[in-house]
Amino acid sequence: MHLVEVAFKGNRKEFFLWEGEEPLPVRATVIVEADRGEDIGVVYATGELAEKRAKGVPHAPTPEEPVSRLVQRLATPDEIKRARDLREQDETTRRKAMERVKANGLVMKLTDAEWRWDRRKLTIFFSAEKRVDFRNLVRELAATFRTRIELKQIGVRDEARRLGGIGRCGREYCSASWLPELRPVNLGVAKDQRLSLNPTQISGACGRLMCCLRYEHDFYVQQRKRFPKEGKIIETSLGEEKVVSNDIFRERVTLRNVEGDVRTVPLAELRREWKNPTIAPLLDEETPTIPYEAISDEVLRLQDTSEMPAWRPGLSRPPVPTHRSLPVMGAGTPAAGATPPSPPAGRRPATERGRRGEVQESASSAAASDAAGPDASERSGADREGRDPRSRRRRGRRGGRRGRGASEGGDGGDGGNGAAPPDEGTTGESTRERTGEGE
């Protein structure tokens, strides 16, 4: 058994087993087993190279899904010609499918269509910003092409990888040529490298940040940790000097003293002259090198927000935990064994809630009235009787109007739930009290 990696249209690759004694030649066209049929592809890697690639690519076999399909045979010249004719029909098929998409009013972009070699299956790749209900579309396409239909939604990076092309560097896309895995790229990668935030310079053909920004990102992060922060004032053997710039490639630091004289020294020499290297931080990663206010929305849309969304002014940040000081005896904290002061009579205790608090409140009110004697109750009753009757009538009319509004609310009032909302400037508790009096 020989392990073979076979490439198909759109930079799709899979691993197969070859039962022949001699290994298959690279770039040979072969017929392989497929899901309920056969497919045609080109040998990409065999032997030791295929064994090595099977350990580091995303489509590598796993213990749960080992390699089980076989390479059946080498393709004949007639089969190769038939495959070429089939590839020419893919674009016509995609255009016909796009007409059905427009007829159904679906918001989706059909990227590519791929006929399998035995014409028993048609796979259509599309991209969309949101989820699309394409069940009716699948039925129409199955009736049109008389075969099994499979719709696959892919991202913009996968779309560029499948279609291929030439990048701004003059070479083929990294994703379409050699990059084994497409990882998301965020805006912090560009800022760490002090790149220009011009969308035309840092974005690729897919409309996202270029994949190559990740290649040297770790080098930039590790190198900057060895240098002092730009703009920091440090104390050297010549006095206080300000760090103007850092050259992480030549390992040089540009300094400016108080008189305005500028000098450039190697990093190793600066560390010998640096008097207090432990006081000045090597790198303040919390302070952005480029202010967030200067980043436009067009640049923010270039990043892959699934990994690390960029922060910008106006978005809420998580609260910073605060440290509470320990309580001090005699400063508002009761001593051990001391009883806390009881609340005034008639006031509900702050530590009680629910029915228990109501029982304590009524008990404390009753105790206070008993302690004051019968004269206090007579005085309170006299006060209630001596209240201005006009205020009582005014409150009664106001409550009555609310009662009528509440009864009419279910017939199309403002609330629609049989209760009128409280007036402006009043709380819900006072509204309930007035409504109760009006009723």
Protein backbone atom coordinates (compact mmCIF):
# COMPACT_ATOMS: atom_id res chain seq x y z
CA MET A 1 0.00 0.00 0.00
CA HIS A 2 1.29 3.44 -0.98
CA LEU A 3 -0.10 6.69 0.38
CA VAL A 4 -0.93 9.12 -2.43
CA GLU A 5 -2.13 12.73 -2.31
CA VAL A 6 -4.35 13.65 -5.24
CA ALA A 7 -5.25 17.22 -6.29
CA PHE A 8 -8.57 18.18 -7.86
CA LYS A 9 -10.05 21.36 -9.27
CA GLY A 10 -9.91 24.44 -7.07
CA ASN A 11 -6.79 23.41 -5.08
CA ARG A 12 -8.75 20.66 -3.34
CA LYS A 13 -6.58 17.76 -2.19
CA GLU A 14 -7.29 14.37 -0.61
CA PHE A 15 -5.31 11.30 0.42
CA PHE A 16 -5.83 7.88 -1.20
CA LEU A 17 -4.22 4.44 -1.15
CA TRP A 18 -2.51 2.81 -4.14
CA GLU A 19 -2.34 -0.98 -4.18
CA GLY A 20 0.16 -1.27 -7.03
CA GLU A 21 3.70 -2.44 -6.54
CA GLU A 22 5.32 0.57 -8.20
CA PRO A 23 4.54 4.06 -6.87
CA LEU A 24 2.56 6.36 -9.11
CA PRO A 25 4.45 9.12 -10.95
CA VAL A 26 3.86 12.69 -9.82
CA ARG A 27 1.43 14.74 -11.96
CA ALA A 28 -0.10 11.59 -13.43
CA THR A 29 -3.86 11.67 -14.05
CA VAL A 30 -5.66 8.96 -12.08
CA ILE A 31 -9.21 7.71 -11.48
CA VAL A 32 -10.08 7.49 -7.78
CA GLU A 33 -13.01 6.34 -5.69
CA ALA A 34 -15.58 8.97 -4.74
CA ASP A 35 -18.82 9.10 -2.82
CA ARG A 36 -21.09 6.76 -4.78
CA GLY A 37 -19.04 7.08 -7.94
CA GLU A 38 -15.67 7.95 -9.46
CA ASP A 39 -13.64 11.11 -9.86
CA ILE A 40 -10.53 12.18 -11.73
CA GLY A 41 -7.49 13.98 -10.33
CA VAL A 42 -3.74 14.53 -10.58
CA VAL A 43 -1.12 12.94 -8.31
CA TYR A 44 0.31 15.69 -6.10
CA ALA A 45 2.64 13.77 -3.74
CA THR A 46 3.64 10.15 -3.19
CA GLY A 47 5.92 8.13 -0.98
CA GLU A 48 7.89 9.89 1.75
CA LEU A 49 6.63 13.35 0.79
CA ALA A 50 3.00 12.22 1.08
CA GLU A 51 3.72 10.67 4.50
CA LYS A 52 5.23 13.95 5.69
CA ARG A 53 2.41 16.09 4.34
CA ALA A 54 -0.17 13.81 5.95
CA LYS A 55 1.01 15.06 9.37
CA GLY A 56 0.71 18.80 8.83
CA VAL A 57 -2.10 19.68 6.43
CA PRO A 58 -5.75 20.40 7.34
CA HIS A 59 -7.07 17.56 5.16
CA ALA A 60 -4.74 15.01 6.79
CA PRO A 61 -6.24 11.68 7.84
CA THR A 62 -7.11 11.14 11.52
CA PRO A 63 -7.57 8.03 13.67
CA GLU A 64 -11.31 8.67 13.55
CA GLU A 65 -11.29 9.08 9.74
CA PRO A 66 -8.38 7.08 8.28
CA VAL A 67 -7.62 6.78 4.59
CA SER A 68 -10.02 4.25 3.10
CA ARG A 69 -10.52 5.18 -0.56
CA LEU A 70 -8.33 3.75 -3.28
CA VAL A 71 -6.76 4.94 -6.50
CA GLN A 72 -8.32 2.63 -9.08
CA ARG A 73 -6.14 3.11 -12.14
CA LEU A 74 -4.30 5.53 -14.37
CA ALA A 75 -6.57 7.56 -16.65
CA THR A 76 -6.59 6.83 -20.37
CA PRO A 77 -6.20 9.57 -23.01
CA ASP A 78 -9.95 9.42 -23.77
CA GLU A 79 -10.80 9.89 -20.10
CA ILE A 80 -8.44 12.85 -19.86
CA LYS A 81 -10.08 14.46 -22.91
CA ARG A 82 -13.50 13.86 -21.40
CA ALA A 83 -12.39 15.57 -18.19
CA ARG A 84 -11.18 18.63 -20.12
CA ASP A 85 -14.52 18.93 -21.90
CA LEU A 86 -16.27 18.66 -18.56
CA ARG A 87 -14.20 21.52 -17.10
CA GLU A 88 -15.31 23.76 -19.97
CA GLN A 89 -18.95 23.16 -19.02
CA ASP A 90 -18.46 24.35 -15.44
CA GLU A 91 -18.73 28.06 -16.28
CA THR A 92 -21.91 27.53 -18.34
CA THR A 93 -23.39 25.57 -15.46
CA ARG A 94 -22.53 28.33 -13.00
CA ARG A 95 -24.26 30.96 -15.15
CA LYS A 96 -27.43 28.86 -15.41
CA ALA A 97 -27.44 28.35 -11.65
CA MET A 98 -26.98 32.10 -11.13
CA GLU A 99 -30.14 32.75 -13.14
CA ARG A 100 -32.10 30.54 -10.75
CA VAL A 101 -30.57 32.38 -7.79
CA LYS A 102 -31.81 35.71 -9.15
CA ALA A 103 -35.23 34.22 -9.89
CA ASN A 104 -35.55 33.12 -6.25
CA GLY A 105 -34.32 36.48 -4.94
CA LEU A 106 -31.47 34.98 -2.89
CA VAL A 107 -28.58 37.15 -1.67
CA MET A 108 -25.64 34.91 -2.51
CA LYS A 109 -22.68 34.91 -4.89
CA LEU A 110 -21.97 31.74 -6.85
CA THR A 111 -18.19 31.40 -6.95
CA ASP A 112 -17.65 28.21 -8.91
CA ALA A 113 -19.33 25.03 -10.14
CA GLU A 114 -17.66 21.62 -10.42
CA TRP A 115 -18.97 18.57 -12.23
CA ARG A 116 -17.71 15.25 -10.99
CA TRP A 117 -16.08 13.08 -13.62
CA ASP A 118 -18.94 10.55 -13.78
CA ARG A 119 -21.54 13.43 -13.90
CA ARG A 120 -23.41 11.95 -10.95
CA LYS A 121 -22.86 14.98 -8.76
CA LEU A 122 -22.66 18.76 -9.23
CA THR A 123 -21.06 20.87 -6.51
CA ILE A 124 -21.70 24.62 -6.45
CA PHE A 125 -19.62 26.89 -4.22
CA PHE A 126 -21.07 30.20 -3.04
CA SER A 127 -20.35 32.98 -0.55
CA ALA A 128 -22.87 35.02 1.42
CA GLU A 129 -22.76 37.38 4.38
CA LYS A 130 -25.63 35.64 6.16
CA ARG A 131 -27.24 32.23 6.19
CA VAL A 132 -29.32 31.48 3.10
CA ASP A 133 -32.32 29.17 2.81
CA PHE A 134 -31.56 27.47 -0.52
CA ARG A 135 -33.81 24.41 -0.23
CA ASN A 136 -36.08 25.51 -3.05
CA LEU A 137 -33.03 26.40 -5.16
CA VAL A 138 -31.60 22.88 -4.75
CA ARG A 139 -34.84 21.33 -5.97
CA GLU A 140 -34.88 23.55 -9.05
CA LEU A 141 -31.23 22.83 -9.87
CA ALA A 142 -31.77 19.09 -9.46
CA ALA A 143 -34.68 19.24 -11.88
CA THR A 144 -32.62 21.29 -14.36
CA PHE A 145 -29.39 19.28 -14.42
CA ARG A 146 -30.85 15.83 -13.55
CA THR A 147 -28.14 14.96 -10.99
CA ARG A 148 -27.28 15.27 -7.33
CA ILE A 149 -26.73 18.89 -6.22
CA GLU A 150 -24.48 20.01 -3.38
CA LEU A 151 -24.20 23.65 -2.31
CA LYS A 152 -21.16 24.63 -0.23
CA GLN A 153 -20.79 28.00 1.45
CA ILE A 154 -17.18 29.26 1.61
CA GLY A 155 -15.49 32.42 2.86
CA VAL A 156 -13.80 35.13 0.85
CA ARG A 157 -10.34 33.71 1.56
CA ASP A 158 -11.43 30.24 0.43
CA GLU A 159 -12.91 31.85 -2.68
CA ALA A 160 -9.56 33.42 -3.59
CA ARG A 161 -7.83 30.14 -2.84
CA ARG A 162 -10.16 28.20 -5.14
CA LEU A 163 -10.07 30.64 -8.06
CA GLY A 164 -6.34 31.50 -7.78
CA GLY A 165 -4.60 34.53 -9.22
CA ILE A 166 -1.52 36.77 -9.09
CA GLY A 167 -0.85 38.92 -6.04
CA ARG A 168 0.72 42.38 -5.80
CA CYS A 169 4.13 40.71 -5.33
CA GLY A 170 3.93 39.20 -8.83
CA ARG A 171 3.60 35.64 -7.58
CA GLU A 172 0.64 33.29 -7.29
CA TYR A 173 -1.56 33.64 -4.23
CA CYS A 174 0.00 32.00 -1.19
CA SER A 175 -3.34 30.41 -0.35
CA ALA A 176 -3.59 28.89 -3.83
CA SER A 177 0.03 27.73 -4.13
CA TRP A 178 1.58 26.53 -0.87
CA LEU A 179 -0.18 27.90 2.25
CA PRO A 180 -1.60 24.82 4.00
CA GLU A 181 -4.04 26.58 6.33
CA LEU A 182 -5.92 29.88 6.10
CA ARG A 183 -5.73 31.65 9.45
CA PRO A 184 -7.62 34.88 10.24
CA VAL A 185 -5.65 38.12 10.21
CA ASN A 186 -6.63 41.07 12.42
CA LEU A 187 -5.64 44.71 12.44
CA GLY A 188 -3.25 44.28 15.38
CA VAL A 189 -0.87 42.35 13.11
CA ALA A 190 -0.49 45.39 10.82
CA LYS A 191 -0.07 47.82 13.71
CA ASP A 192 2.65 45.74 15.36
CA GLN A 193 4.67 45.98 12.16
CA ARG A 194 4.16 49.78 11.84
CA LEU A 195 2.51 49.34 8.45
CA SER A 196 0.49 52.00 6.70
CA LEU A 197 -3.23 51.61 7.35
CA ASN A 198 -4.05 52.32 3.73
CA PRO A 199 -6.59 49.68 2.57
CA THR A 200 -5.08 49.49 -0.91
CA GLN A 201 -1.65 48.56 0.50
CA ILE A 202 -2.51 45.97 3.16
CA SER A 203 -5.53 44.21 1.61
CA GLY A 204 -5.45 41.33 -0.85
CA ALA A 205 -7.64 40.31 -3.75
CA CYS A 206 -10.20 38.80 -1.37
CA GLY A 207 -10.85 42.19 0.28
CA ARG A 208 -9.30 41.14 3.59
CA LEU A 209 -5.89 41.72 5.13
CA MET A 210 -3.16 39.86 3.26
CA CYS A 211 -2.18 36.46 4.63
CA CYS A 212 1.53 37.33 4.37
CA LEU A 213 1.18 39.85 7.21
CA ARG A 214 1.35 36.90 9.60
CA TYR A 215 4.64 35.51 8.34
CA GLU A 216 6.91 37.94 10.24
CA HIS A 217 4.55 39.02 12.98
CA ASP A 218 6.20 36.91 15.68
CA PHE A 219 9.61 38.34 14.76
CA TYR A 220 8.35 41.93 15.15
CA VAL A 221 6.74 41.21 18.53
CA GLN A 222 9.82 39.49 19.96
CA GLN A 223 12.24 42.12 18.65
CA ARG A 224 10.31 45.10 20.00
CA LYS A 225 10.40 43.61 23.49
CA ARG A 226 14.19 44.09 23.45
CA PHE A 227 13.99 47.81 22.67
CA PRO A 228 12.87 50.75 24.83
CA LYS A 229 9.55 52.29 23.98
CA GLU A 230 9.64 55.08 21.42
CA GLY A 231 9.07 58.47 23.07
CA LYS A 232 10.32 57.27 26.46
CA ILE A 233 12.88 59.38 28.35
CA ILE A 234 15.70 57.23 29.66
CA GLU A 235 18.80 58.08 31.69
CA THR A 236 22.13 57.18 30.13
CA SER A 237 25.74 58.03 30.87
CA LEU A 238 25.24 61.33 28.98
CA GLY A 239 22.14 62.31 30.95
CA GLU A 240 18.45 62.18 30.09
CA GLU A 241 17.73 61.30 26.48
CA LYS A 242 14.52 60.62 24.59
CA VAL A 243 14.06 57.55 22.39
CA VAL A 244 13.24 58.86 18.92
CA SER A 245 13.07 55.63 16.89
CA ASN A 246 14.10 51.97 16.91
CA ASP A 247 15.65 50.04 14.03
CA ILE A 248 14.81 46.44 14.88
CA PHE A 249 16.61 45.05 11.81
CA ARG A 250 20.01 46.70 12.40
CA GLU A 251 19.40 46.78 16.19
CA ARG A 252 20.01 50.52 16.53
CA VAL A 253 18.33 53.15 18.68
CA THR A 254 18.12 56.85 17.86
CA LEU A 255 18.29 59.16 20.91
CA ARG A 256 17.93 62.92 21.42
CA ASN A 257 19.23 64.80 24.46
CA VAL A 258 17.97 67.98 26.10
CA GLU A 259 20.07 70.25 23.85
CA GLY A 260 18.55 68.64 20.75
CA ASP A 261 21.59 66.63 19.67
CA VAL A 262 20.66 63.35 17.99
CA ARG A 263 22.78 60.22 18.05
CA THR A 264 22.31 56.61 16.94
CA VAL A 265 23.78 53.85 19.08
CA PRO A 266 23.66 50.05 18.86
CA LEU A 267 21.28 48.31 21.21
CA ALA A 268 24.07 46.45 23.01
CA GLU A 269 25.93 49.71 23.72
CA LEU A 270 22.73 51.39 24.90
CA ARG A 271 22.15 48.65 27.44
CA ARG A 272 25.61 49.28 28.87
CA GLU A 273 24.97 53.03 29.09
CA TRP A 274 21.45 52.63 30.46
CA LYS A 275 21.61 53.44 34.17
CA ASN A 276 18.14 52.27 35.24
CA PRO A 277 16.94 49.72 32.68
CA THR A 278 14.53 48.14 35.20
CA ILE A 279 12.57 51.36 35.77
CA ALA A 280 11.86 52.13 32.11
CA PRO A 281 9.62 49.47 30.55
CA LEU A 282 10.92 47.69 27.50
CA LEU A 283 7.61 47.77 25.69
CA ASP A 284 4.25 49.17 26.65
CA GLU A 285 1.93 46.89 24.75
CA GLU A 286 -1.21 48.48 26.18
CA THR A 287 -0.51 51.81 24.47
CA PRO A 288 -1.34 51.55 20.76
CA THR A 289 1.27 52.86 18.35
CA ILE A 290 -1.49 54.27 16.15
CA PRO A 291 -4.47 55.98 17.82
CA TYR A 292 -7.77 54.18 17.29
CA GLU A 293 -9.38 57.48 16.31
CA ALA A 294 -7.17 57.52 13.20
CA ILE A 295 -8.42 54.13 11.97
CA SER A 296 -11.22 54.42 9.45
CA ASP A 297 -14.17 52.06 9.20
CA GLU A 298 -12.91 50.94 5.79
CA VAL A 299 -9.73 49.61 7.38
CA LEU A 300 -11.62 47.97 10.25
CA ARG A 301 -13.70 45.99 7.76
CA LEU A 302 -10.54 44.40 6.31
CA GLN A 303 -9.81 42.26 9.34
CA ASP A 304 -11.24 38.88 10.26
CA THR A 305 -13.29 39.74 13.34
CA SER A 306 -13.93 36.12 14.23
CA GLU A 307 -10.59 35.86 16.00
CA MET A 308 -10.09 39.24 17.69
CA PRO A 309 -12.43 42.18 16.98
CA ALA A 310 -10.75 45.57 16.92
CA TRP A 311 -11.74 48.10 19.53
CA ARG A 312 -12.64 51.59 18.52
CA PRO A 313 -14.09 54.64 20.35
CA GLY A 314 -17.71 54.16 21.31
CA LEU A 315 -17.50 50.44 22.11
CA SER A 316 -17.83 49.37 25.73
CA ARG A 317 -14.88 47.79 27.48
CA PRO A 318 -15.06 45.27 30.33
CA PRO A 319 -14.95 46.87 33.80
CA VAL A 320 -11.61 46.96 35.54
CA PRO A 321 -11.68 45.16 38.91
CA THR A 322 -11.03 47.42 41.89
CA HIS A 323 -9.28 46.47 45.11
CA ARG A 324 -11.20 47.18 48.31
CA SER A 325 -9.35 48.15 51.47
CA LEU A 326 -9.77 46.16 54.65
CA PRO A 327 -12.22 47.53 57.26
CA VAL A 328 -10.69 49.46 60.18
CA MET A 329 -12.03 49.11 63.70
CA GLY A 330 -13.57 52.30 64.93
CA ALA A 331 -14.07 53.79 61.49
CA GLY A 332 -17.62 52.83 60.70
CA THR A 333 -17.17 49.11 61.56
CA PRO A 334 -18.83 47.91 64.81
CA ALA A 335 -16.60 46.12 67.28
CA ALA A 336 -16.94 42.46 68.05
CA GLY A 337 -19.88 41.78 70.35
CA ALA A 338 -21.50 45.16 69.73
CA THR A 339 -25.14 45.22 68.68
CA PRO A 340 -25.93 47.18 65.55
CA PRO A 341 -28.19 50.21 66.02
CA SER A 342 -31.87 49.53 65.50
CA PRO A 343 -33.69 51.46 62.79
CA PRO A 344 -36.12 54.24 63.76
CA ALA A 345 -39.68 53.31 64.54
CA GLY A 346 -41.89 53.02 61.49
CA ARG A 347 -38.98 52.52 59.07
CA ARG A 348 -38.39 49.20 57.35
CA PRO A 349 -35.01 47.61 58.23
CA ALA A 350 -32.59 47.64 55.28
CA THR A 351 -31.48 44.05 55.84
CA GLU A 352 -34.96 42.57 55.71
CA ARG A 353 -36.81 41.71 52.54
CA GLY A 354 -40.21 40.35 51.58
CA ARG A 355 -42.94 39.38 54.04
CA ARG A 356 -40.51 39.12 56.92
CA GLY A 357 -39.64 42.78 56.55
CA GLU A 358 -43.33 43.72 56.42
CA VAL A 359 -44.01 41.79 59.63
CA GLN A 360 -41.11 43.50 61.38
CA GLU A 361 -42.22 46.89 60.10
CA SER A 362 -45.79 46.41 61.38
CA ALA A 363 -44.48 45.07 64.68
CA SER A 364 -42.17 48.03 65.16
CA SER A 365 -44.98 50.47 64.28
CA ALA A 366 -47.31 48.77 66.75
CA ALA A 367 -44.64 48.87 69.46
CA ALA A 368 -44.06 52.54 68.84
CA SER A 369 -47.79 53.35 69.05
CA ASP A 370 -48.12 51.34 72.28
CA ALA A 371 -45.18 53.14 73.79
CA ALA A 372 -46.65 56.53 72.86
CA GLY A 373 -50.02 55.64 74.40
CA PRO A 374 -53.59 56.23 73.30
CA ASP A 375 -53.05 59.97 73.00
CA ALA A 376 -50.74 59.48 70.06
CA SER A 377 -53.33 57.49 68.15
CA GLU A 378 -56.00 60.10 68.87
CA ARG A 379 -53.68 62.84 67.67
CA SER A 380 -52.89 60.99 64.47
CA GLY A 381 -56.59 60.47 63.78
CA ALA A 382 -57.26 64.15 64.41
CA ASP A 383 -54.53 65.08 62.00
CA ARG A 384 -56.07 62.92 59.32
CA GLU A 385 -59.44 64.51 59.91
CA GLY A 386 -57.99 67.99 59.82
CA ARG A 387 -56.37 67.52 56.44
CA ASP A 388 -57.45 69.84 53.66
CA PRO A 389 -60.56 68.23 52.03
CA ARG A 390 -59.78 69.89 48.70
CA SER A 391 -56.54 67.94 48.36
CA ARG A 392 -58.44 64.73 49.10
CA ARG A 393 -61.03 65.53 46.42
CA ARG A 394 -58.28 66.46 43.95
CA ARG A 395 -56.50 63.20 44.55
CA GLY A 396 -59.77 61.29 44.25
CA ARG A 397 -60.65 62.84 40.88
CA ARG A 398 -57.15 62.14 39.60
CA GLY A 399 -57.35 58.52 40.70
CA GLY A 400 -60.78 58.15 39.13
CA ARG A 401 -59.52 59.32 35.79
CA ARG A 402 -56.73 56.79 35.97
CA GLY A 403 -59.19 54.07 36.88
CA ARG A 404 -61.31 54.84 33.84
CA GLY A 405 -58.19 54.90 31.62
CA ALA A 406 -57.13 51.53 32.98
CA SER A 407 -60.52 49.99 32.23
CA GLU A 408 -60.48 51.38 28.67
CA GLY A 409 -56.86 50.31 27.98
CA GLY A 410 -57.82 46.87 26.68
CA ASP A 411 -59.91 48.46 23.88
CA GLY A 412 -56.99 50.11 22.14
CA GLY A 413 -55.49 52.40 24.80
CA ASP A 414 -51.83 53.23 25.16
CA GLY A 415 -50.96 50.24 27.29
CA GLY A 416 -53.27 47.71 25.69
CA ASN A 417 -52.95 45.53 28.78
CA GLY A 418 -55.66 47.00 31.01
CA ALA A 419 -53.37 49.32 33.04
CA ALA A 420 -52.49 52.96 32.41
CA PRO A 421 -48.81 54.03 32.55
CA PRO A 422 -47.69 56.33 35.38
CA ASP A 423 -47.66 60.10 34.82
CA GLU A 424 -44.44 61.93 34.10
CA GLY A 425 -42.56 62.91 37.22
CA THR A 426 -44.27 60.31 39.43
CA THR A 427 -43.16 56.86 40.43
CA GLY A 428 -45.09 53.67 39.90
CA GLU A 429 -45.70 53.35 43.65
CA SER A 430 -47.33 56.76 43.95
CA THR A 431 -49.45 56.06 40.87
CA ARG A 432 -50.78 52.85 42.38
CA GLU A 433 -51.64 54.64 45.59
CA ARG A 434 -53.55 57.38 43.77
CA THR A 435 -55.37 54.91 41.56
CA GLY A 436 -56.40 52.95 44.59
CA GLU A 437 -57.81 56.01 46.24
CA GLY A 438 -59.70 57.03 43.11
CA GLU A 439 -61.27 53.61 42.82
